[in-house]
N, C-alpha and C. Protein backbone atom coordinates (compact mmCIF):
# COMPACT_ATOMS: atom_id res chain seq x y z
N UNK A 1 101.35 82.89 59.51
CA UNK A 1 100.70 82.08 60.55
C UNK A 1 101.01 82.67 61.91
N UNK A 2 99.99 82.81 62.77
CA UNK A 2 100.18 83.41 64.08
C UNK A 2 100.83 82.46 65.08
N UNK A 3 101.11 83.00 66.26
CA UNK A 3 101.71 82.20 67.32
C UNK A 3 100.70 81.19 67.86
N UNK A 4 101.17 80.02 68.22
CA UNK A 4 100.32 78.99 68.81
C UNK A 4 99.92 79.41 70.21
N UNK A 5 98.61 79.48 70.48
CA UNK A 5 98.10 79.90 71.78
C UNK A 5 98.04 78.69 72.72
N UNK A 6 98.69 78.84 73.88
CA UNK A 6 98.92 77.71 74.78
C UNK A 6 98.42 78.02 76.19
N UNK A 7 97.85 77.00 76.83
CA UNK A 7 97.59 77.04 78.28
C UNK A 7 98.41 75.92 78.91
N UNK A 8 99.08 76.22 80.02
CA UNK A 8 99.87 75.21 80.73
C UNK A 8 99.13 74.81 82.00
N UNK A 9 98.73 73.54 82.06
CA UNK A 9 98.06 73.01 83.25
C UNK A 9 99.13 72.57 84.24
N UNK A 10 99.49 73.46 85.14
CA UNK A 10 100.51 73.13 86.11
C UNK A 10 101.21 74.37 86.60
N UNK A 11 101.32 74.53 87.93
CA UNK A 11 102.05 75.66 88.49
C UNK A 11 103.27 75.12 89.25
N UNK A 12 103.91 75.96 90.00
CA UNK A 12 105.05 75.59 90.85
C UNK A 12 106.12 74.85 90.06
N UNK A 13 106.40 73.58 90.39
CA UNK A 13 107.53 72.88 89.80
C UNK A 13 107.46 72.63 88.32
N UNK A 14 106.70 71.63 87.91
CA UNK A 14 106.74 71.16 86.53
C UNK A 14 106.15 72.16 85.53
N UNK A 15 105.08 72.82 85.91
CA UNK A 15 104.45 73.77 84.99
C UNK A 15 105.34 74.96 84.69
N UNK A 16 105.89 75.59 85.74
CA UNK A 16 106.77 76.73 85.56
C UNK A 16 108.05 76.30 84.84
N UNK A 17 108.56 75.13 85.18
CA UNK A 17 109.78 74.64 84.54
C UNK A 17 109.56 74.46 83.03
N UNK A 18 108.45 73.85 82.66
CA UNK A 18 108.16 73.65 81.24
C UNK A 18 108.11 74.98 80.49
N UNK A 19 107.52 75.98 81.12
CA UNK A 19 107.49 77.29 80.50
C UNK A 19 108.89 77.86 80.34
N UNK A 20 109.68 77.79 81.41
CA UNK A 20 111.00 78.42 81.40
C UNK A 20 111.93 77.83 80.35
N UNK A 21 111.88 76.52 80.18
CA UNK A 21 112.85 75.89 79.28
C UNK A 21 112.38 75.81 77.83
N UNK A 22 111.08 75.97 77.58
CA UNK A 22 110.59 75.77 76.21
C UNK A 22 109.79 76.93 75.64
N UNK A 23 109.00 77.61 76.46
CA UNK A 23 108.07 78.61 75.93
C UNK A 23 108.53 80.06 76.11
N UNK A 24 109.29 80.33 77.14
CA UNK A 24 109.73 81.71 77.37
C UNK A 24 110.61 82.20 76.22
N UNK A 25 110.32 83.38 75.74
CA UNK A 25 111.05 84.00 74.62
C UNK A 25 110.97 83.17 73.33
N UNK A 26 109.99 82.28 73.25
CA UNK A 26 109.78 81.47 72.05
C UNK A 26 108.72 82.15 71.19
N UNK A 27 109.14 82.69 70.08
CA UNK A 27 108.23 83.48 69.24
C UNK A 27 107.11 82.65 68.62
N UNK A 28 107.25 81.34 68.63
CA UNK A 28 106.23 80.48 68.02
C UNK A 28 105.01 80.27 68.93
N UNK A 29 105.13 80.65 70.20
CA UNK A 29 104.05 80.37 71.16
C UNK A 29 103.62 81.62 71.92
N UNK A 30 102.35 81.64 72.29
CA UNK A 30 101.82 82.65 73.20
C UNK A 30 101.13 81.92 74.35
N UNK A 31 101.70 81.99 75.55
CA UNK A 31 101.12 81.30 76.71
C UNK A 31 100.04 82.20 77.32
N UNK A 32 98.83 81.70 77.31
CA UNK A 32 97.67 82.47 77.78
C UNK A 32 97.58 82.48 79.30
N UNK A 33 97.83 81.31 79.91
CA UNK A 33 97.65 81.21 81.36
C UNK A 33 98.26 79.92 81.88
N UNK A 34 98.49 79.91 83.20
CA UNK A 34 98.77 78.68 83.93
C UNK A 34 97.49 78.26 84.64
N UNK A 35 97.24 76.96 84.69
CA UNK A 35 96.06 76.42 85.38
C UNK A 35 96.51 75.66 86.62
N UNK A 36 95.93 75.99 87.77
CA UNK A 36 96.26 75.29 89.00
C UNK A 36 95.24 74.20 89.27
N UNK A 37 95.66 73.05 89.80
CA UNK A 37 94.75 71.92 89.97
C UNK A 37 93.79 72.05 91.14
N UNK A 38 94.04 72.95 92.05
CA UNK A 38 93.15 73.09 93.20
C UNK A 38 93.23 74.51 93.72
N UNK A 39 92.34 74.85 94.64
CA UNK A 39 92.35 76.17 95.23
C UNK A 39 93.61 76.32 96.07
N UNK A 40 94.55 77.13 95.62
CA UNK A 40 95.80 77.32 96.35
C UNK A 40 96.10 78.80 96.46
N UNK A 41 97.19 79.09 97.17
CA UNK A 41 97.58 80.49 97.35
C UNK A 41 98.07 81.11 96.04
N UNK A 42 98.31 80.28 95.03
CA UNK A 42 98.78 80.82 93.75
C UNK A 42 97.65 81.36 92.90
N UNK A 43 96.42 80.89 93.14
CA UNK A 43 95.31 81.33 92.30
C UNK A 43 95.09 82.83 92.43
N UNK A 44 94.81 83.47 91.31
CA UNK A 44 94.59 84.91 91.31
C UNK A 44 95.86 85.72 91.24
N UNK A 45 96.99 85.05 91.20
CA UNK A 45 98.27 85.74 91.11
C UNK A 45 98.81 85.66 89.68
N UNK A 46 99.97 86.24 89.49
CA UNK A 46 100.57 86.33 88.16
C UNK A 46 102.01 85.84 88.20
N UNK A 47 102.37 84.99 87.21
CA UNK A 47 103.76 84.61 87.07
C UNK A 47 104.54 85.87 86.73
N UNK A 48 105.58 86.20 87.50
CA UNK A 48 106.17 87.54 87.45
C UNK A 48 106.77 87.94 86.11
N UNK A 49 106.66 89.22 85.82
CA UNK A 49 107.18 89.79 84.58
C UNK A 49 108.67 89.49 84.41
N UNK A 50 109.42 89.56 85.53
CA UNK A 50 110.87 89.36 85.47
C UNK A 50 111.25 87.98 84.97
N UNK A 51 110.39 86.98 85.21
CA UNK A 51 110.67 85.61 84.79
C UNK A 51 109.93 85.23 83.51
N UNK A 52 108.88 85.96 83.18
CA UNK A 52 108.04 85.58 82.04
C UNK A 52 108.70 85.86 80.69
N UNK A 53 109.61 86.83 80.64
CA UNK A 53 110.30 87.10 79.39
C UNK A 53 109.72 88.27 78.61
N UNK A 54 110.33 88.53 77.47
CA UNK A 54 110.05 89.75 76.70
C UNK A 54 108.65 89.81 76.10
N UNK A 55 107.98 88.66 75.93
CA UNK A 55 106.66 88.67 75.31
C UNK A 55 105.53 88.88 76.33
N UNK A 56 105.86 88.95 77.62
CA UNK A 56 104.81 89.03 78.65
C UNK A 56 105.11 90.16 79.63
N UNK A 57 104.96 91.40 79.18
CA UNK A 57 105.29 92.56 80.03
C UNK A 57 104.41 92.66 81.28
N UNK A 58 103.26 92.01 81.27
CA UNK A 58 102.36 92.02 82.43
C UNK A 58 102.36 90.69 83.17
N UNK A 59 103.32 89.82 82.87
CA UNK A 59 103.34 88.50 83.49
C UNK A 59 102.30 87.59 82.85
N UNK A 60 102.11 86.43 83.46
CA UNK A 60 101.14 85.44 82.95
C UNK A 60 100.19 85.07 84.09
N UNK A 61 98.87 85.22 83.90
CA UNK A 61 97.92 84.95 84.99
C UNK A 61 97.79 83.46 85.32
N UNK A 62 97.44 83.19 86.57
CA UNK A 62 97.14 81.83 87.03
C UNK A 62 95.66 81.73 87.33
N UNK A 63 95.04 80.63 86.88
CA UNK A 63 93.62 80.40 87.10
C UNK A 63 93.39 79.01 87.69
N UNK A 64 92.27 78.88 88.36
CA UNK A 64 91.87 77.56 88.86
C UNK A 64 91.39 76.69 87.71
N UNK A 65 91.50 75.40 87.87
CA UNK A 65 91.13 74.45 86.81
C UNK A 65 89.69 74.61 86.34
N UNK A 66 88.82 75.08 87.21
CA UNK A 66 87.42 75.26 86.83
C UNK A 66 87.25 76.28 85.70
N UNK A 67 88.27 77.11 85.46
CA UNK A 67 88.20 78.12 84.40
C UNK A 67 88.78 77.63 83.07
N UNK A 68 89.28 76.39 83.04
CA UNK A 68 89.99 75.91 81.86
C UNK A 68 89.14 75.96 80.59
N UNK A 69 87.96 75.38 80.62
CA UNK A 69 87.12 75.33 79.42
C UNK A 69 86.78 76.72 78.90
N UNK A 70 86.45 77.61 79.82
CA UNK A 70 86.13 78.99 79.43
C UNK A 70 87.33 79.65 78.75
N UNK A 71 88.52 79.45 79.30
CA UNK A 71 89.72 80.06 78.74
C UNK A 71 90.04 79.51 77.35
N UNK A 72 89.85 78.19 77.18
CA UNK A 72 90.10 77.58 75.87
C UNK A 72 89.22 78.22 74.80
N UNK A 73 87.95 78.35 75.11
CA UNK A 73 87.00 78.90 74.14
C UNK A 73 87.22 80.40 73.94
N UNK A 74 87.35 81.13 75.05
CA UNK A 74 87.45 82.59 75.00
C UNK A 74 88.70 83.06 74.25
N UNK A 75 89.80 82.33 74.42
CA UNK A 75 91.07 82.74 73.80
C UNK A 75 91.41 81.92 72.56
N UNK A 76 90.49 81.07 72.12
CA UNK A 76 90.73 80.22 70.94
C UNK A 76 92.07 79.48 71.09
N UNK A 77 92.23 78.81 72.21
CA UNK A 77 93.49 78.14 72.54
C UNK A 77 93.74 76.97 71.59
N UNK A 78 94.97 76.87 71.11
CA UNK A 78 95.35 75.80 70.19
C UNK A 78 95.84 74.54 70.90
N UNK A 79 96.47 74.72 72.06
CA UNK A 79 97.17 73.59 72.68
C UNK A 79 97.16 73.74 74.21
N UNK A 80 96.90 72.65 74.89
CA UNK A 80 96.97 72.61 76.36
C UNK A 80 98.09 71.67 76.76
N UNK A 81 99.03 72.17 77.56
CA UNK A 81 100.15 71.38 78.06
C UNK A 81 99.78 70.83 79.43
N UNK A 82 99.84 69.52 79.57
CA UNK A 82 99.51 68.89 80.86
C UNK A 82 100.79 68.72 81.66
N UNK A 83 100.88 69.42 82.80
CA UNK A 83 102.10 69.38 83.62
C UNK A 83 101.77 69.21 85.10
N UNK A 84 100.67 68.51 85.40
CA UNK A 84 100.34 68.20 86.79
C UNK A 84 101.24 67.08 87.30
N UNK A 85 101.41 67.05 88.61
CA UNK A 85 102.07 65.93 89.27
C UNK A 85 101.01 65.15 90.07
N UNK A 86 101.34 63.91 90.37
CA UNK A 86 100.53 63.12 91.29
C UNK A 86 99.07 62.97 90.82
N UNK A 87 98.88 62.48 89.59
CA UNK A 87 97.54 62.24 89.08
C UNK A 87 97.47 60.85 88.45
N UNK A 88 96.29 60.31 88.41
CA UNK A 88 96.09 58.97 87.85
C UNK A 88 96.00 59.02 86.32
N UNK A 89 96.14 57.85 85.71
CA UNK A 89 96.00 57.74 84.25
C UNK A 89 94.61 58.18 83.81
N UNK A 90 93.60 57.80 84.57
CA UNK A 90 92.23 58.17 84.21
C UNK A 90 92.02 59.68 84.25
N UNK A 91 92.67 60.35 85.19
CA UNK A 91 92.58 61.82 85.28
C UNK A 91 93.21 62.46 84.04
N UNK A 92 94.37 61.96 83.63
CA UNK A 92 95.07 62.51 82.48
C UNK A 92 94.21 62.35 81.22
N UNK A 93 93.69 61.13 80.99
CA UNK A 93 92.94 60.88 79.77
C UNK A 93 91.57 61.56 79.78
N UNK A 94 91.00 61.68 80.97
CA UNK A 94 89.73 62.39 81.06
C UNK A 94 89.91 63.86 80.70
N UNK A 95 91.00 64.45 81.17
CA UNK A 95 91.27 65.85 80.86
C UNK A 95 91.62 66.00 79.37
N UNK A 96 92.32 65.01 78.82
CA UNK A 96 92.64 65.05 77.39
C UNK A 96 91.37 65.05 76.55
N UNK A 97 90.43 64.19 76.90
CA UNK A 97 89.17 64.13 76.15
C UNK A 97 88.39 65.43 76.27
N UNK A 98 88.42 66.02 77.45
CA UNK A 98 87.72 67.29 77.69
C UNK A 98 88.31 68.40 76.83
N UNK A 99 89.65 68.47 76.81
CA UNK A 99 90.34 69.50 76.02
C UNK A 99 90.09 69.29 74.53
N UNK A 100 90.21 68.05 74.07
CA UNK A 100 90.00 67.74 72.65
C UNK A 100 88.58 68.07 72.21
N UNK A 101 87.60 67.88 73.10
CA UNK A 101 86.21 68.15 72.74
C UNK A 101 85.97 69.63 72.46
N UNK A 102 86.87 70.48 72.96
CA UNK A 102 86.76 71.92 72.74
C UNK A 102 87.61 72.38 71.56
N UNK A 103 88.25 71.41 70.88
CA UNK A 103 88.99 71.73 69.66
C UNK A 103 90.48 71.96 69.84
N UNK A 104 90.97 71.91 71.08
CA UNK A 104 92.40 72.16 71.32
C UNK A 104 93.18 70.85 71.36
N UNK A 105 94.47 70.93 71.03
CA UNK A 105 95.36 69.77 71.18
C UNK A 105 95.72 69.59 72.64
N UNK A 106 96.05 68.36 73.01
CA UNK A 106 96.45 68.03 74.38
C UNK A 106 97.84 67.43 74.31
N UNK A 107 98.76 67.96 75.10
CA UNK A 107 100.17 67.58 74.95
C UNK A 107 100.83 67.25 76.28
N UNK A 108 101.60 66.16 76.29
CA UNK A 108 102.49 65.82 77.40
C UNK A 108 103.92 66.05 76.90
N UNK A 109 104.66 66.90 77.57
CA UNK A 109 106.01 67.23 77.12
C UNK A 109 107.00 66.18 77.61
N UNK A 110 107.93 65.82 76.75
CA UNK A 110 108.89 64.78 77.07
C UNK A 110 110.26 65.31 77.45
N UNK A 111 111.20 64.40 77.57
CA UNK A 111 112.54 64.70 78.06
C UNK A 111 113.28 65.69 77.17
N UNK A 112 113.16 65.54 75.85
CA UNK A 112 113.94 66.37 74.93
C UNK A 112 113.63 67.84 75.09
N UNK A 113 112.36 68.18 75.33
CA UNK A 113 111.95 69.58 75.40
C UNK A 113 111.98 70.16 76.81
N UNK A 114 112.27 69.35 77.83
CA UNK A 114 112.20 69.87 79.19
C UNK A 114 113.49 69.72 79.99
N UNK A 115 114.44 68.92 79.52
CA UNK A 115 115.67 68.75 80.28
C UNK A 115 116.61 69.95 80.13
N UNK A 116 117.42 70.18 81.16
CA UNK A 116 118.43 71.22 81.14
C UNK A 116 119.81 70.56 81.18
N UNK A 117 120.69 70.99 80.32
CA UNK A 117 122.04 70.44 80.30
C UNK A 117 122.82 70.98 81.50
N UNK A 118 123.52 70.08 82.20
CA UNK A 118 124.31 70.46 83.36
C UNK A 118 125.78 70.16 83.12
N UNK A 119 126.63 71.04 83.63
CA UNK A 119 128.07 70.82 83.52
C UNK A 119 128.59 69.91 84.64
N UNK A 120 127.70 69.58 85.59
CA UNK A 120 128.07 68.73 86.72
C UNK A 120 127.22 67.47 86.72
N UNK A 121 127.74 66.37 87.29
CA UNK A 121 126.90 65.17 87.42
C UNK A 121 125.71 65.46 88.34
N UNK A 122 124.54 64.96 87.95
CA UNK A 122 123.31 65.23 88.70
C UNK A 122 122.58 63.93 89.00
N UNK A 123 122.09 63.80 90.23
CA UNK A 123 121.18 62.71 90.61
C UNK A 123 119.86 63.36 91.00
N UNK A 124 118.79 62.95 90.36
CA UNK A 124 117.48 63.53 90.63
C UNK A 124 116.63 62.56 91.44
N UNK A 125 115.99 63.06 92.48
CA UNK A 125 115.09 62.26 93.30
C UNK A 125 113.66 62.69 93.01
N UNK A 126 112.87 61.79 92.46
CA UNK A 126 111.48 62.09 92.10
C UNK A 126 110.54 61.09 92.76
N UNK A 127 109.26 61.44 92.79
CA UNK A 127 108.25 60.54 93.34
C UNK A 127 106.89 60.92 92.77
N UNK A 128 105.93 60.03 92.93
CA UNK A 128 104.59 60.27 92.38
C UNK A 128 103.72 61.06 93.34
N UNK A 129 104.20 61.33 94.55
CA UNK A 129 103.39 62.04 95.53
C UNK A 129 104.28 62.99 96.32
N UNK A 130 103.79 64.18 96.66
CA UNK A 130 104.62 65.15 97.38
C UNK A 130 105.16 64.65 98.71
N UNK A 131 104.51 63.69 99.35
CA UNK A 131 104.93 63.21 100.67
C UNK A 131 105.35 61.74 100.62
N UNK A 132 106.08 61.39 99.57
CA UNK A 132 106.50 60.00 99.41
C UNK A 132 107.83 59.68 100.10
N UNK A 133 108.50 60.69 100.64
CA UNK A 133 109.75 60.45 101.33
C UNK A 133 110.99 60.81 100.52
N UNK A 134 110.85 61.77 99.61
CA UNK A 134 111.99 62.17 98.78
C UNK A 134 113.14 62.74 99.61
N UNK A 135 112.79 63.49 100.66
CA UNK A 135 113.83 64.11 101.48
C UNK A 135 114.72 63.07 102.13
N UNK A 136 114.11 62.00 102.64
CA UNK A 136 114.89 60.94 103.28
C UNK A 136 115.84 60.27 102.29
N UNK A 137 115.33 60.01 101.09
CA UNK A 137 116.15 59.38 100.06
C UNK A 137 117.28 60.31 99.63
N UNK A 138 116.96 61.59 99.45
CA UNK A 138 117.97 62.57 99.03
C UNK A 138 119.08 62.68 100.06
N UNK A 139 118.71 62.69 101.35
CA UNK A 139 119.73 62.77 102.40
C UNK A 139 120.64 61.55 102.41
N UNK A 140 120.05 60.37 102.19
CA UNK A 140 120.85 59.15 102.19
C UNK A 140 121.83 59.14 101.00
N UNK A 141 121.33 59.54 99.83
CA UNK A 141 122.19 59.59 98.65
C UNK A 141 123.33 60.58 98.86
N UNK A 142 123.00 61.75 99.41
CA UNK A 142 124.02 62.76 99.65
C UNK A 142 125.07 62.26 100.63
N UNK A 143 124.63 61.55 101.67
CA UNK A 143 125.55 61.03 102.67
C UNK A 143 126.49 59.98 102.06
N UNK A 144 125.96 59.11 101.20
CA UNK A 144 126.78 58.08 100.58
C UNK A 144 127.81 58.70 99.62
N UNK A 145 127.39 59.72 98.89
CA UNK A 145 128.32 60.40 97.99
C UNK A 145 129.43 61.11 98.76
N UNK A 146 129.03 61.66 99.90
CA UNK A 146 130.02 62.35 100.72
C UNK A 146 131.06 61.36 101.26
N UNK A 147 130.62 60.16 101.60
CA UNK A 147 131.56 59.13 102.06
C UNK A 147 132.58 58.79 100.98
N UNK A 148 132.15 58.93 99.71
CA UNK A 148 133.04 58.64 98.58
C UNK A 148 133.90 59.86 98.21
N UNK A 149 133.87 60.88 99.08
CA UNK A 149 134.71 62.08 98.93
C UNK A 149 134.25 63.01 97.81
N UNK A 150 132.97 62.91 97.42
CA UNK A 150 132.43 63.86 96.47
C UNK A 150 131.99 65.13 97.19
N UNK A 151 132.12 66.27 96.53
CA UNK A 151 131.57 67.51 97.05
C UNK A 151 130.11 67.57 96.64
N UNK A 152 129.21 67.60 97.60
CA UNK A 152 127.77 67.48 97.33
C UNK A 152 127.06 68.81 97.57
N UNK A 153 126.27 69.22 96.60
CA UNK A 153 125.38 70.37 96.74
C UNK A 153 123.96 69.89 96.48
N UNK A 154 123.05 70.18 97.40
CA UNK A 154 121.66 69.74 97.28
C UNK A 154 120.82 70.92 96.79
N UNK A 155 120.07 70.70 95.73
CA UNK A 155 119.24 71.75 95.14
C UNK A 155 117.78 71.31 95.18
N UNK A 156 116.93 72.15 95.74
CA UNK A 156 115.50 71.87 95.78
C UNK A 156 114.81 72.77 94.77
N UNK A 157 113.81 72.22 94.05
CA UNK A 157 113.17 73.01 92.99
C UNK A 157 112.44 74.21 93.56
N UNK A 158 112.21 75.17 92.69
CA UNK A 158 111.57 76.42 93.10
C UNK A 158 110.14 76.19 93.55
N UNK A 159 109.72 76.97 94.55
CA UNK A 159 108.36 76.91 95.06
C UNK A 159 107.77 78.31 95.02
N UNK A 160 106.43 78.42 94.74
CA UNK A 160 105.81 79.74 94.75
C UNK A 160 105.76 80.30 96.16
N UNK A 161 105.94 81.59 96.29
CA UNK A 161 106.00 82.18 97.62
C UNK A 161 105.58 83.63 97.56
N UNK A 162 105.12 84.16 98.69
CA UNK A 162 104.85 85.58 98.80
C UNK A 162 106.07 86.30 99.37
N UNK A 163 107.13 85.54 99.67
CA UNK A 163 108.36 86.12 100.17
C UNK A 163 109.10 86.82 99.03
N UNK A 164 110.05 87.67 99.38
CA UNK A 164 110.81 88.40 98.39
C UNK A 164 112.13 87.72 98.06
N UNK A 165 112.35 86.52 98.58
CA UNK A 165 113.59 85.80 98.32
C UNK A 165 113.43 84.99 97.05
N UNK A 166 114.43 85.06 96.17
CA UNK A 166 114.37 84.30 94.93
C UNK A 166 115.15 83.00 95.03
N UNK A 167 116.41 83.08 95.47
CA UNK A 167 117.22 81.88 95.66
C UNK A 167 117.90 81.98 97.02
N UNK A 168 117.78 80.95 97.82
CA UNK A 168 118.40 80.94 99.14
C UNK A 168 119.49 79.88 99.17
N UNK A 169 120.63 80.25 99.72
CA UNK A 169 121.76 79.33 99.84
C UNK A 169 122.07 79.14 101.31
N UNK A 170 122.08 77.89 101.75
CA UNK A 170 122.32 77.58 103.15
C UNK A 170 123.64 76.82 103.30
N UNK A 171 124.52 77.37 104.14
CA UNK A 171 125.76 76.68 104.45
C UNK A 171 126.04 76.71 105.94
N UNK A 172 125.52 77.73 106.62
CA UNK A 172 125.69 77.86 108.07
C UNK A 172 124.33 77.98 108.72
N UNK A 173 124.28 77.66 110.02
CA UNK A 173 123.00 77.71 110.73
C UNK A 173 122.45 79.13 110.79
N UNK A 174 123.33 80.11 110.72
CA UNK A 174 122.87 81.50 110.73
C UNK A 174 122.01 81.82 109.51
N UNK A 175 122.22 81.05 108.43
CA UNK A 175 121.41 81.27 107.22
C UNK A 175 119.94 80.95 107.45
N UNK A 176 119.66 80.03 108.36
CA UNK A 176 118.28 79.67 108.68
C UNK A 176 117.55 80.86 109.29
N UNK A 177 118.26 81.61 110.13
CA UNK A 177 117.66 82.81 110.73
C UNK A 177 117.59 83.93 109.70
N UNK A 178 118.63 84.03 108.87
CA UNK A 178 118.69 85.09 107.86
C UNK A 178 117.48 85.04 106.94
N UNK A 179 117.07 83.82 106.54
CA UNK A 179 115.96 83.68 105.62
C UNK A 179 114.63 83.36 106.31
N UNK A 180 114.62 83.49 107.63
CA UNK A 180 113.39 83.33 108.40
C UNK A 180 112.69 82.01 108.09
N UNK A 181 113.44 80.93 108.18
CA UNK A 181 112.91 79.61 107.85
C UNK A 181 111.87 79.15 108.87
N UNK A 182 110.88 78.43 108.38
CA UNK A 182 109.87 77.84 109.25
C UNK A 182 110.46 76.60 109.93
N UNK A 183 109.72 76.07 110.90
CA UNK A 183 110.17 74.86 111.59
C UNK A 183 110.29 73.71 110.59
N UNK A 184 109.32 73.61 109.68
CA UNK A 184 109.35 72.53 108.69
C UNK A 184 110.57 72.65 107.78
N UNK A 185 110.90 73.88 107.38
CA UNK A 185 112.08 74.07 106.54
C UNK A 185 113.35 73.73 107.29
N UNK A 186 113.43 74.11 108.56
CA UNK A 186 114.60 73.79 109.36
C UNK A 186 114.78 72.28 109.50
N UNK A 187 113.69 71.56 109.67
CA UNK A 187 113.77 70.10 109.78
C UNK A 187 114.37 69.48 108.53
N UNK A 188 114.11 70.08 107.38
CA UNK A 188 114.63 69.54 106.13
C UNK A 188 116.06 69.98 105.86
N UNK A 189 116.40 71.21 106.21
CA UNK A 189 117.70 71.76 105.86
C UNK A 189 118.81 71.38 106.84
N UNK A 190 118.49 71.30 108.13
CA UNK A 190 119.53 71.10 109.14
C UNK A 190 120.35 69.82 108.97
N UNK A 191 119.74 68.68 108.56
CA UNK A 191 120.57 67.47 108.37
C UNK A 191 121.69 67.67 107.35
N UNK A 192 121.47 68.51 106.35
CA UNK A 192 122.53 68.80 105.37
C UNK A 192 123.61 69.68 105.98
N UNK A 193 123.17 70.68 106.75
CA UNK A 193 124.14 71.56 107.39
C UNK A 193 124.98 70.79 108.40
N UNK A 194 124.35 69.81 109.07
CA UNK A 194 125.09 68.98 110.03
C UNK A 194 126.28 68.28 109.37
N UNK A 195 126.14 67.97 108.10
CA UNK A 195 127.18 67.26 107.36
C UNK A 195 128.08 68.20 106.56
N UNK A 196 127.89 69.51 106.72
CA UNK A 196 128.73 70.46 106.02
C UNK A 196 128.41 70.60 104.54
N UNK A 197 127.18 70.27 104.15
CA UNK A 197 126.78 70.37 102.75
C UNK A 197 126.12 71.72 102.47
N UNK A 198 126.18 72.12 101.21
CA UNK A 198 125.48 73.32 100.76
C UNK A 198 124.09 72.93 100.30
N UNK A 199 123.09 73.69 100.71
CA UNK A 199 121.70 73.43 100.33
C UNK A 199 121.14 74.70 99.71
N UNK A 200 120.54 74.60 98.54
CA UNK A 200 119.93 75.75 97.89
C UNK A 200 118.46 75.50 97.64
N UNK A 201 117.66 76.54 97.81
CA UNK A 201 116.21 76.46 97.62
C UNK A 201 115.77 77.64 96.78
N UNK A 202 115.13 77.38 95.64
CA UNK A 202 114.61 78.46 94.81
C UNK A 202 113.19 78.82 95.21
N UNK A 203 112.84 80.10 95.02
CA UNK A 203 111.47 80.54 95.26
C UNK A 203 111.05 81.50 94.16
N UNK A 204 109.83 81.32 93.70
CA UNK A 204 109.27 82.21 92.69
C UNK A 204 108.26 83.12 93.38
N UNK A 205 108.48 84.41 93.32
CA UNK A 205 107.57 85.36 93.96
C UNK A 205 106.48 85.72 92.97
N UNK A 206 105.26 85.29 93.24
CA UNK A 206 104.14 85.56 92.35
C UNK A 206 103.56 86.93 92.61
N UNK A 207 103.24 87.63 91.54
CA UNK A 207 102.66 88.95 91.66
C UNK A 207 101.17 88.86 91.93
N UNK A 208 100.67 89.78 92.74
CA UNK A 208 99.24 89.82 93.02
C UNK A 208 98.52 90.57 91.91
């Protein structure tokens, strides 16, 4: 029996994470593509070879959602993984029906297949919308933990970038200049530096 052919609907955070923890170097699966929900800077690029693993010497291409049906049929896709953020129930089920009509399975991945074991206590701040105020909540939680004498490190999930930086660690204000941070990034990072906390930001450099 051949490898299960998969398309992952989702880039950046959840989509790339699902690939990294479950599909990379997994001989049972062949990931055909990542699907992006809208026209973004990631479209037309490739998930890098260095992160894709031994089965993807040329990386994994990213396509806009409008190409999904064509890709399912053209590659005889067996399974579509839904990993979008900030979508309604009707959007999820509508896409499920569309995928099923083309003969492919539709899958939502759960906690068992996507969580990473940590040797340290972790508090995760999530929301249903990118601008729901996660940064404010994260700063408050970090401040309260610091009052309790805990050593706090703040980690932000990886974001796609055309920059050559993979992981950035901020502890001093000079680090903001070192990594050529934008004004928006400085607004988010400086409150942590003010309190003497370490802040790390991952970035995935997509290949053109």
